[in-house]
C-alpha cells in the first residue's frame, strides 16, 4: 500500500496542492513534428484511478526538480528510496502540439545521484560546530610545538670511538691515545656533555668539498679504499682514514650548529617543576587531576646552546685545498667556518689558532675570504716555517700572526692575547669564534719547544669567555702529543665554561 501511494505521488502534483508547472519545451525534427501523445494503457489508467481514491491527503516527501527524458516529463521524489518514474497524465501532455514550433533550450536529463553534491553543503550546515573542528583537523597540517632556545650550563664534547681507527702501522706521535686519554678524563668531569656526531657523511662530504678540491678528496677516498699509504713523510692514510675524517668534519659541524642554534634535550629542571606542581594539584583536587598530572609530567624538550669542543683526530690546520701535510688531511676549522657561513646564518666567522705550529692551511682558507678572519700564536722557526711576518694582514686585513720565540711561557702569551689578538678579533665582530686548540705548546711536548703548563689554559679560557660569551665559541683539537698533559689542558681550557 505504501509503495502504491508513492507511485501516485510521482504521478500527480495535485496531491501536494502545487500548481502544475509547464514542462520544458522541445523542438522536434520533421519526422517527429507530429503529435506524439499516446493514451496510457488500461493498466496505467486503472492504477491511476485507484491511487487517486487512496490518496486523500498529502504524503511526506519533497518534490525535486523535474527533468525531461524521452519526450516525457517526470518527477523525482527526494528522500525516498523508491525512485519510480511515471509519465504525466495525457491531459497534461497537450503542450507538445501547442508549443512544438516554439524554440527552446533542451534540458539534459539529470540522474537522481547528481543531486548529492548539492545536498552535502546543506547537511554540513546542520552539523554542530565540533564537526567543523574535526574537518579542519583533517585538512590542516599539524603544527610542531616550538622549542625554547636557552643557554645551558656545561660544555658539549663531540667524540666517537671511531677516531681511534685512524692509526699508523708503527709508532707515530699522532696516535689514538691523543683522544682516548682526554675522553676518559672528560667523561668523569662534571658539566661535560659527551656526545657522538650526528651529521650524516653525505652532509659532511658536501662541507668538505666547499674547502678542498674534489680531485684531492677523491684521491684520499681511493687511497683509503686500497688500504692506505703515505701522503708525505709525516702524513699517513689507512683503510679507515677517509671515513674517520668525514666523521671528524661532522663533529666540528655539530659543534657549530649546537652552539649557535642549540641541541634538543630534555630539560630536567622544567620536568621536576612540572612534577611538583601537578602532584600538588592532584592532592588538592582529586583523582581526576592525577590522570592529567601524568601527561603534564612528560619530559620537556628544549633547545640548549652551549660552548662545544670537538675531540677529534687527525688534526687539520695544516691541510691545504689540494694537499695534506703535517699529519693533517682535511681542514676541519675551515670546514666548520664555511658551514657556519653558508648554512647557519653567520655573517662573520673568526678562527683563533693556539697551536705551537702556524696553521698555514687555516690562513690559506681565510686569506681570500673577507667574511672570515684568522689570528695565530705559534713558535718562530718551526714547521711549516710560515706566518713569520706580523705585519702581513692579507688583502682584506683579516690576518694576524703573532710568532713567539722558543721556550716562551704564559707571561708571553697573555700580553699578546690581551693587547693584540683579542682586540683584533673583537674589531671583526664575529658571529662565531672557532678555536683551533693545539696543545703542543705545552712543556715536554716532543714536537715543539714552548713552555706553557696545563693550568695556564684556564686563564686563556677565562679571557675568551669574557670576550665572546658562551653562545658563539667552539673549540677543536689540533696538535698536542703528550696525552696526559693534553687531557689536563683541555679540562683547564673548558673549566671557565663549566
Protein backbone atom coordinates (compact mmCIF):
# COMPACT_ATOMS: atom_id res chain seq x y z
CA UNK A 1 0.00 0.00 0.00
CA UNK A 2 2.81 2.40 0.83
CA UNK A 3 4.53 1.74 -2.48
CA UNK A 4 1.33 2.50 -4.38
CA UNK A 5 0.93 5.83 -2.62
CA UNK A 6 4.49 6.79 -3.52
CA UNK A 7 3.86 5.91 -7.14
CA UNK A 8 0.82 8.16 -7.15
CA UNK A 9 2.84 10.98 -5.63
CA UNK A 10 5.10 10.63 -8.59
CA UNK A 11 2.19 10.78 -10.99
CA UNK A 12 0.29 13.75 -9.60
CA UNK A 13 1.10 17.25 -8.33
CA UNK A 14 -2.44 17.89 -7.12
CA UNK A 15 -1.80 15.67 -4.12
CA UNK A 16 0.64 18.29 -2.80
CA UNK A 17 -1.58 21.26 -3.58
CA UNK A 18 1.04 22.56 -6.01
CA UNK A 19 0.32 24.41 -9.23
CA UNK A 20 1.41 22.39 -12.19
CA UNK A 21 4.44 23.99 -13.90
CA UNK A 22 4.75 24.00 -17.64
CA UNK A 23 7.03 21.27 -18.82
CA UNK A 24 10.14 22.05 -20.79
CA UNK A 25 9.68 22.86 -24.45
CA UNK A 26 11.38 20.93 -27.16
CA UNK A 27 11.87 21.40 -30.87
CA UNK A 28 11.27 18.24 -32.81
CA UNK A 29 12.61 17.34 -36.22
CA UNK A 30 10.32 16.97 -39.27
CA UNK A 31 9.91 13.27 -38.60
CA UNK A 32 8.75 13.93 -35.05
CA UNK A 33 6.73 17.13 -35.62
CA UNK A 34 3.53 15.34 -35.03
CA UNK A 35 1.53 14.63 -32.01
CA UNK A 36 3.35 12.02 -30.07
CA UNK A 37 0.80 11.99 -27.31
CA UNK A 38 -0.21 8.42 -26.63
CA UNK A 39 -3.02 7.34 -24.38
CA UNK A 40 -1.98 5.45 -21.29
CA UNK A 41 -2.51 1.76 -21.25
CA UNK A 42 -5.58 0.32 -19.49
CA UNK A 43 -3.35 -0.94 -16.69
CA UNK A 44 -1.95 2.56 -16.10
CA UNK A 45 -5.43 4.08 -16.10
CA UNK A 46 -6.63 1.55 -13.56
CA UNK A 47 -3.63 2.19 -11.31
CA UNK A 48 -4.03 5.98 -11.52
CA UNK A 49 -7.73 5.89 -10.59
CA UNK A 50 -7.03 3.54 -7.70
CA UNK A 51 -4.22 5.76 -6.40
CA UNK A 52 -6.41 8.88 -6.61
CA UNK A 53 -9.00 7.16 -4.48
CA UNK A 54 -6.49 6.07 -1.88
CA UNK A 55 -4.56 9.33 -1.68
CA UNK A 56 -6.81 11.80 0.12
CA UNK A 57 -4.07 13.76 1.91
CA UNK A 58 -0.51 14.91 1.05
CA UNK A 59 2.22 12.48 1.90
CA UNK A 60 5.60 13.35 3.38
CA UNK A 61 8.26 13.88 0.81
CA UNK A 62 9.75 16.65 -1.28
CA UNK A 63 9.38 17.06 -4.98
CA UNK A 64 12.70 17.70 -6.63
CA UNK A 65 13.42 19.28 -9.95
CA UNK A 66 11.54 17.95 -12.94
CA UNK A 67 13.71 16.53 -15.66
CA UNK A 68 12.79 15.65 -19.22
CA UNK A 69 13.79 12.36 -20.80
CA UNK A 70 12.45 10.54 -23.83
CA UNK A 71 9.84 13.20 -24.52
CA UNK A 72 8.17 12.75 -21.14
CA UNK A 73 8.37 14.96 -18.05
CA UNK A 74 8.94 13.12 -14.79
CA UNK A 75 9.21 14.00 -11.12
CA UNK A 76 11.74 12.64 -8.67
CA UNK A 77 10.74 12.38 -5.02
CA UNK A 78 13.72 13.15 -2.87
CA UNK A 79 14.20 11.45 0.44
CA UNK A 80 12.66 8.20 -0.77
CA UNK A 81 14.45 5.00 -1.67
CA UNK A 82 11.81 4.36 -4.36
CA UNK A 83 12.94 6.22 -7.47
CA UNK A 84 9.91 5.33 -9.58
CA UNK A 85 9.12 7.29 -12.72
CA UNK A 86 5.67 7.51 -14.31
CA UNK A 87 4.56 9.53 -17.34
CA UNK A 88 2.27 12.50 -16.81
CA UNK A 89 -1.44 12.06 -17.44
CA UNK A 90 -2.47 12.54 -21.08
CA UNK A 91 -4.32 15.77 -20.42
CA UNK A 92 -1.07 17.38 -19.25
CA UNK A 93 0.92 16.47 -22.34
CA UNK A 94 -1.01 18.58 -24.89
CA UNK A 95 1.76 21.20 -24.71
CA UNK A 96 3.88 19.27 -27.22
CA UNK A 97 1.50 20.07 -30.08
CA UNK A 98 0.77 23.54 -28.86
CA UNK A 99 4.42 24.63 -28.46
CA UNK A 100 6.14 22.45 -30.97
CA UNK A 101 7.01 25.43 -33.19
CA UNK A 102 8.49 27.49 -30.38
CA UNK A 103 12.29 27.22 -29.97
CA UNK A 104 13.62 26.42 -26.56
CA UNK A 105 16.68 25.05 -24.86
CA UNK A 106 16.69 21.35 -24.32
CA UNK A 107 17.09 20.28 -20.73
CA UNK A 108 19.56 17.45 -20.27
CA UNK A 109 18.47 14.52 -18.14
CA UNK A 110 19.75 14.77 -14.59
CA UNK A 111 20.04 11.44 -12.84
CA UNK A 112 18.99 11.25 -9.21
CA UNK A 113 22.59 10.77 -7.98
CA UNK A 114 23.66 14.16 -9.36
CA UNK A 115 21.77 15.98 -6.63
CA UNK A 116 24.01 14.58 -3.87
CA UNK A 117 26.82 17.15 -4.28
CA UNK A 118 24.23 19.89 -3.68
CA UNK A 119 22.95 18.18 -0.56
CA UNK A 120 26.37 17.82 1.09
CA UNK A 121 26.84 21.54 1.96
CA UNK A 122 23.32 21.69 3.35
CA UNK A 123 23.92 18.64 5.50
CA UNK A 124 27.17 20.11 6.79
CA UNK A 125 25.36 23.28 7.84
CA UNK A 126 23.16 21.19 10.08
CA UNK A 127 26.12 19.63 11.87
CA UNK A 128 27.41 21.05 15.18
CA UNK A 129 30.46 23.28 15.38
CA UNK A 130 32.55 20.39 16.69
CA UNK A 131 32.10 18.66 13.33
CA UNK A 132 33.77 21.58 11.55
CA UNK A 133 36.66 21.42 14.00
CA UNK A 134 37.19 17.77 13.13
CA UNK A 135 37.08 18.57 9.42
CA UNK A 136 39.63 21.32 9.92
CA UNK A 137 41.91 18.95 11.78
CA UNK A 138 41.83 16.60 8.80
CA UNK A 139 42.76 19.25 6.24
CA UNK A 140 45.37 21.22 8.16
CA UNK A 141 48.92 20.00 8.68
CA UNK A 142 49.70 19.52 12.39
CA UNK A 143 51.83 22.25 13.87
CA UNK A 144 55.07 21.41 15.59
CA UNK A 145 55.36 22.77 19.11
CA UNK A 146 58.08 25.44 19.16
CA UNK A 147 61.17 24.56 21.11
CA UNK A 148 62.50 27.14 23.54
CA UNK A 149 66.17 28.01 22.95
CA UNK A 150 68.17 28.67 26.09
CA UNK A 151 71.82 28.95 27.08
CA UNK A 152 72.63 25.92 29.18
CA UNK A 153 75.39 25.18 31.63
CA UNK A 154 78.35 22.97 30.86
CA UNK A 155 80.09 22.17 27.58
CA UNK A 156 79.28 19.76 24.76
CA UNK A 157 82.16 17.46 23.78
CA UNK A 158 81.79 15.69 20.43
CA UNK A 159 83.63 12.39 20.42
CA UNK A 160 83.48 8.93 18.85
CA UNK A 161 85.41 5.70 19.36
CA UNK A 162 85.87 5.58 15.60
CA UNK A 163 88.51 8.30 15.87
CA UNK A 164 90.78 5.58 17.23
CA UNK A 165 90.69 3.68 13.92
CA UNK A 166 92.98 6.14 12.14
CA UNK A 167 96.45 4.87 13.08
CA UNK A 168 99.84 4.19 11.54
CA UNK A 169 101.36 0.74 11.16
CA UNK A 170 104.19 1.54 13.57
CA UNK A 171 104.75 4.19 16.20
CA UNK A 172 103.61 7.67 15.31
CA UNK A 173 103.17 10.71 17.60
CA UNK A 174 99.72 11.26 16.07
CA UNK A 175 98.12 8.17 17.60
CA UNK A 176 94.77 7.18 19.18
CA UNK A 177 95.97 7.99 22.72
CA UNK A 178 95.69 11.68 21.84
CA UNK A 179 91.89 11.47 22.11
CA UNK A 180 91.24 8.34 24.17
CA UNK A 181 93.06 9.64 27.26
CA UNK A 182 91.28 13.06 27.27
CA UNK A 183 87.96 11.32 26.63
CA UNK A 184 88.32 9.25 29.78
CA UNK A 185 89.08 12.34 31.85
CA UNK A 186 86.26 14.38 30.33
CA UNK A 187 83.82 11.54 30.86
CA UNK A 188 84.17 11.99 34.62
CA UNK A 189 84.31 15.81 34.58
CA UNK A 190 81.12 17.48 35.93
CA UNK A 191 79.43 19.73 33.41
CA UNK A 192 80.77 17.90 30.33
CA UNK A 193 78.12 16.52 27.98
CA UNK A 194 79.81 13.81 25.89
CA UNK A 195 78.00 13.35 22.57
CA UNK A 196 78.51 11.45 19.33
CA UNK A 197 78.49 13.30 15.98
CA UNK A 198 75.10 13.27 14.23
CA UNK A 199 75.78 14.99 10.90
CA UNK A 200 75.49 12.48 8.07
CA UNK A 201 78.54 11.50 5.96
CA UNK A 202 76.90 13.00 2.86
CA UNK A 203 76.42 16.36 4.57
CA UNK A 204 79.97 16.23 5.89
CA UNK A 205 81.31 15.44 2.42
CA UNK A 206 79.41 18.39 0.95
CA UNK A 207 81.01 20.66 3.56
CA UNK A 208 84.47 19.21 2.87
CA UNK A 209 84.08 19.95 -0.83
CA UNK A 210 83.48 23.63 -0.03
CA UNK A 211 87.09 23.81 1.22
CA UNK A 212 89.01 21.09 -0.61
CA UNK A 213 89.41 20.22 -4.28
CA UNK A 214 87.20 17.38 -5.47
CA UNK A 215 90.19 15.62 -7.06
CA UNK A 216 92.08 15.69 -3.77
CA UNK A 217 89.10 14.35 -1.81
CA UNK A 218 88.73 11.53 -4.34
CA UNK A 219 92.43 10.77 -4.01
CA UNK A 220 92.07 10.35 -0.24
CA UNK A 221 89.00 8.16 -0.67
CA UNK A 222 90.69 5.92 -3.24
CA UNK A 223 93.88 5.65 -1.21
CA UNK A 224 91.93 4.72 1.90
CA UNK A 225 89.90 2.16 -0.07
CA UNK A 226 93.13 0.49 -1.19
CA UNK A 227 94.23 0.10 2.41
CA UNK A 228 96.17 3.32 2.87
CA UNK A 229 99.58 4.81 2.21
CA UNK A 230 101.61 7.95 2.88
CA UNK A 231 100.87 11.44 1.60
CA UNK A 232 104.35 12.57 2.70
CA UNK A 233 106.98 11.56 5.24
CA UNK A 234 104.74 12.64 8.15
CA UNK A 235 101.16 12.17 6.98
CA UNK A 236 99.68 8.67 6.68
CA UNK A 237 96.39 7.20 5.49
CA UNK A 238 94.95 3.80 6.40
CA UNK A 239 91.81 1.91 5.42
CA UNK A 240 89.58 3.83 7.85
CA UNK A 241 91.08 7.30 7.36
CA UNK A 242 88.57 8.62 4.82
CA UNK A 243 85.50 7.71 6.90
CA UNK A 244 87.17 8.89 10.12
CA UNK A 245 87.95 12.26 8.53
CA UNK A 246 84.33 12.67 7.39
CA UNK A 247 83.21 11.84 10.94
CA UNK A 248 85.64 14.40 12.34
CA UNK A 249 84.28 17.03 9.95
CA UNK A 250 80.77 16.10 11.13
CA UNK A 251 81.85 16.63 14.76
CA UNK A 252 83.18 20.13 14.03
CA UNK A 253 79.98 20.94 12.14
CA UNK A 254 77.88 19.67 15.04
CA UNK A 255 79.83 21.90 17.40
CA UNK A 256 78.98 24.96 15.30
CA UNK A 257 75.32 24.03 14.96
CA UNK A 258 74.76 23.08 18.59
CA UNK A 259 76.45 26.21 19.88
CA UNK A 260 74.71 28.62 17.52
CA UNK A 261 71.26 27.00 17.23
CA UNK A 262 71.13 24.66 20.20
CA UNK A 263 70.65 20.93 20.53
CA UNK A 264 67.33 19.35 21.52
CA UNK A 265 67.47 17.87 25.01
CA UNK A 266 65.28 17.04 27.99
CA UNK A 267 65.22 19.89 30.47
CA UNK A 268 65.47 18.22 33.86
CA UNK A 269 64.70 21.36 35.84
CA UNK A 270 61.49 22.02 33.93
CA UNK A 271 60.49 18.40 34.30
CA UNK A 272 60.97 18.41 38.07
CA UNK A 273 58.96 21.63 38.44
CA UNK A 274 56.07 20.17 36.48
CA UNK A 275 56.10 17.02 38.63
CA UNK A 276 55.90 19.05 41.85
CA UNK A 277 53.13 21.34 40.60
CA UNK A 278 51.00 18.56 39.17
CA UNK A 279 51.37 16.42 42.30
CA UNK A 280 50.18 19.31 44.49
CA UNK A 281 47.22 19.94 42.20
CA UNK A 282 46.28 16.27 42.26
CA UNK A 283 46.30 16.19 46.07
CA UNK A 284 44.09 19.28 46.23
CA UNK A 285 41.54 18.42 43.57
CA UNK A 286 41.36 14.65 43.45
CA UNK A 287 41.99 11.61 41.34
CA UNK A 288 40.76 13.23 38.12
CA UNK A 289 43.63 15.69 38.27
CA UNK A 290 46.07 12.88 38.92
CA UNK A 291 45.41 11.50 35.44
CA UNK A 292 46.32 14.85 33.92
CA UNK A 293 49.44 15.01 36.08
CA UNK A 294 50.88 12.02 34.29
CA UNK A 295 50.58 13.81 30.95
CA UNK A 296 51.99 17.05 32.35
CA UNK A 297 54.94 15.17 33.82
CA UNK A 298 56.26 14.22 30.36
CA UNK A 299 59.88 15.32 29.83
CA UNK A 300 60.14 18.84 28.45
CA UNK A 301 62.09 19.20 25.20
CA UNK A 302 64.11 22.37 24.75
CA UNK A 303 66.98 23.58 22.61
CA UNK A 304 70.06 24.19 24.71
CA UNK A 305 73.02 26.25 23.50
CA UNK A 306 76.44 25.56 24.97
CA UNK A 307 80.08 26.02 24.06
CA UNK A 308 81.33 22.91 22.26
CA UNK A 309 84.60 21.04 21.91
CA UNK A 310 85.40 18.66 19.02
CA UNK A 311 87.64 15.93 20.42
CA UNK A 312 88.73 14.58 17.04
CA UNK A 313 91.74 13.39 15.11
CA UNK A 314 93.69 13.72 12.90
CA UNK A 315 94.43 17.45 13.21
CA UNK A 316 93.52 19.71 10.31
CA UNK A 317 95.00 23.21 10.40
CA UNK A 318 97.93 22.39 8.04
CA UNK A 319 95.76 20.87 5.28
CA UNK A 320 95.56 22.92 2.08
CA UNK A 321 92.81 22.79 -0.52
CA UNK A 322 94.59 20.14 -2.56
CA UNK A 323 97.32 18.85 -0.28
CA UNK A 324 97.58 17.14 3.09
CA UNK A 325 100.61 17.75 5.28
CA UNK A 326 101.80 17.87 8.89
CA UNK A 327 99.57 14.93 9.98
CA UNK A 328 96.55 16.84 8.54
CA UNK A 329 94.26 15.60 5.76
CA UNK A 330 91.12 17.79 5.86
CA UNK A 331 90.98 21.30 7.34
CA UNK A 332 88.22 20.98 9.92
CA UNK A 333 88.33 24.57 11.22
CA UNK A 334 87.87 25.95 7.71
CA UNK A 335 85.12 23.39 7.02
CA UNK A 336 83.21 24.45 10.14
CA UNK A 337 83.68 28.13 9.26
CA UNK A 338 82.29 27.72 5.76
CA UNK A 339 79.45 25.60 7.09
CA UNK A 340 78.51 28.33 9.58
CA UNK A 341 78.61 31.00 6.86
CA UNK A 342 76.69 29.02 4.26
CA UNK A 343 74.10 27.17 6.33
CA UNK A 344 73.86 28.55 9.86
CA UNK A 345 73.28 32.21 9.03
CA UNK A 346 76.58 33.62 10.24
CA UNK A 347 77.84 36.80 8.63
CA UNK A 348 81.40 36.71 10.03
CA UNK A 349 83.48 33.88 11.47
CA UNK A 350 86.82 34.17 13.27
CA UNK A 351 89.44 31.44 13.74
CA UNK A 352 91.90 31.61 16.65
CA UNK A 353 94.84 29.19 16.39
CA UNK A 354 96.64 28.30 19.64
CA UNK A 355 98.80 25.52 18.19
CA UNK A 356 102.59 25.72 18.53
CA UNK A 357 102.87 25.42 14.74
CA UNK A 358 101.48 28.01 12.34
CA UNK A 359 98.20 26.95 10.75
CA UNK A 360 99.18 27.53 7.14
CA UNK A 361 96.06 25.69 5.96
CA UNK A 362 93.82 27.89 8.08
CA UNK A 363 95.48 31.04 6.78
CA UNK A 364 95.21 29.90 3.16
CA UNK A 365 91.49 29.21 3.60
CA UNK A 366 90.86 32.62 5.18
CA UNK A 367 93.14 34.90 3.18
CA UNK A 368 90.76 35.45 0.27
CA UNK A 369 87.56 35.48 2.37
CA UNK A 370 86.57 38.94 3.65
CA UNK A 371 83.92 37.40 5.92
CA UNK A 372 86.48 35.34 7.81
CA UNK A 373 89.50 36.35 9.92
CA UNK A 374 92.43 34.41 11.34
CA UNK A 375 94.77 35.01 14.28
CA UNK A 376 97.57 32.68 15.35
CA UNK A 377 100.05 32.20 18.18
CA UNK A 378 102.92 29.98 17.05
CA UNK A 379 106.60 29.29 17.62
CA UNK A 380 109.15 31.02 15.40
CA UNK A 381 111.34 28.95 13.12
CA UNK A 382 109.19 25.85 13.47
CA UNK A 383 107.26 23.76 10.95
CA UNK A 384 105.91 24.78 8.45
CA UNK A 385 108.04 27.94 8.50
CA UNK A 386 105.14 30.26 7.61
CA UNK A 387 103.34 33.09 9.40
CA UNK A 388 106.54 34.81 10.36
CA UNK A 389 105.56 38.36 9.37
CA UNK A 390 103.34 40.00 11.99
CA UNK A 391 102.69 42.94 9.66
CA UNK A 392 101.23 40.91 6.80
CA UNK A 393 97.47 41.20 7.29
CA UNK A 394 96.40 39.89 3.89
CA UNK A 395 94.47 41.61 1.09
CA UNK A 396 91.38 42.09 3.29
CA UNK A 397 93.16 42.94 6.54
CA UNK A 398 91.78 39.76 8.11
CA UNK A 399 95.04 38.04 9.14
CA UNK A 400 97.09 38.40 12.31
CA UNK A 401 100.20 36.32 13.03
CA UNK A 402 101.93 36.53 16.41
CA UNK A 403 105.14 34.44 16.23
CA UNK A 404 106.84 33.93 19.58
CA UNK A 405 110.32 32.63 20.40
CA UNK A 406 111.01 29.14 21.66
CA UNK A 407 110.66 28.44 25.39
CA UNK A 408 108.08 31.20 25.81
CA UNK A 409 105.62 30.73 28.69
CA UNK A 410 102.27 32.14 29.76
CA UNK A 411 103.86 35.51 30.59
CA UNK A 412 104.48 35.97 26.88
CA UNK A 413 101.11 34.60 25.79
CA UNK A 414 98.74 36.67 27.92
CA UNK A 415 100.03 40.16 26.96
CA UNK A 416 99.81 39.24 23.27
CA UNK A 417 96.33 37.87 23.81
CA UNK A 418 95.13 40.94 25.71
CA UNK A 419 96.78 43.64 23.64
CA UNK A 420 96.78 42.31 20.08
CA UNK A 421 94.82 39.15 19.42
CA UNK A 422 91.57 39.79 21.31
CA UNK A 423 91.25 43.44 20.11
CA UNK A 424 91.79 42.22 16.54
CA UNK A 425 89.10 39.56 16.85
CA UNK A 426 86.63 41.82 18.66
CA UNK A 427 87.01 44.52 16.00
CA UNK A 428 85.99 41.94 13.40
CA UNK A 429 82.69 41.39 15.31
CA UNK A 430 82.35 37.66 14.54
CA UNK A 431 79.15 35.69 14.94
CA UNK A 432 81.17 32.56 15.67
CA UNK A 433 84.67 32.06 17.07
CA UNK A 434 86.43 28.78 16.21
CA UNK A 435 89.44 27.97 18.38
CA UNK A 436 91.98 25.61 16.82
CA UNK A 437 93.07 24.29 20.19
CA UNK A 438 96.56 22.89 19.72
CA UNK A 439 98.29 21.76 22.90
CA UNK A 440 101.76 21.10 21.53
CA UNK A 441 102.77 24.40 23.15
CA UNK A 442 102.78 22.54 26.48
CA UNK A 443 106.03 21.87 28.24
CA UNK A 444 107.55 18.44 27.47
CA UNK A 445 105.72 18.14 24.13
CA UNK A 446 108.01 16.16 21.79
CA UNK A 447 107.33 18.27 18.69
CA UNK A 448 107.71 21.87 19.94
CA UNK A 449 109.78 23.94 22.38
CA UNK A 450 107.28 26.10 24.25
CA UNK A 451 106.77 26.12 28.00
CA UNK A 452 103.09 26.50 28.88
CA UNK A 453 101.63 24.41 31.69
CA UNK A 454 98.20 22.71 31.54
CA UNK A 455 96.73 25.08 34.14
CA UNK A 456 97.79 28.11 32.11
CA UNK A 457 94.98 27.39 29.67
CA UNK A 458 92.40 28.23 32.32
CA UNK A 459 93.50 31.87 32.08
CA UNK A 460 93.14 31.66 28.29
CA UNK A 461 89.63 30.23 28.67
CA UNK A 462 88.62 32.97 31.10
CA UNK A 463 89.63 35.69 28.66
CA UNK A 464 87.78 34.02 25.78
CA UNK A 465 84.65 33.69 27.91
CA UNK A 466 84.79 37.33 28.92
CA UNK A 467 85.33 38.49 25.34
CA UNK A 468 82.82 36.32 23.45
CA UNK A 469 80.44 34.81 25.98
CA UNK A 470 79.12 31.26 25.96
CA UNK A 471 76.91 31.17 22.90
CA UNK A 472 79.31 31.73 19.99
CA UNK A 473 82.58 29.94 20.72
CA UNK A 474 83.68 26.41 19.84
CA UNK A 475 86.94 24.51 20.25
CA UNK A 476 88.53 21.72 18.25
CA UNK A 477 91.62 19.65 18.91
CA UNK A 478 94.61 20.27 16.66
CA UNK A 479 98.12 19.30 17.87
CA UNK A 480 99.37 18.08 21.22
CA UNK A 481 101.33 14.85 21.51
CA UNK A 482 101.76 14.20 25.22
CA UNK A 483 98.34 12.66 26.07
CA UNK A 484 98.32 13.19 29.85
CA UNK A 485 99.20 16.87 29.59
CA UNK A 486 96.76 17.35 26.70
CA UNK A 487 93.91 15.88 28.77
CA UNK A 488 94.65 18.18 31.72
CA UNK A 489 94.97 21.23 29.45
CA UNK A 490 91.61 20.54 27.74
CA UNK A 491 89.85 20.38 31.10
CA UNK A 492 91.59 23.61 32.17
CA UNK A 493 90.51 25.35 28.94
CA UNK A 494 86.89 24.35 29.46
CA UNK A 495 86.74 24.93 33.23
CA UNK A 496 85.55 28.60 32.95
CA UNK A 497 82.67 27.41 30.75
CA UNK A 498 81.55 24.55 33.03
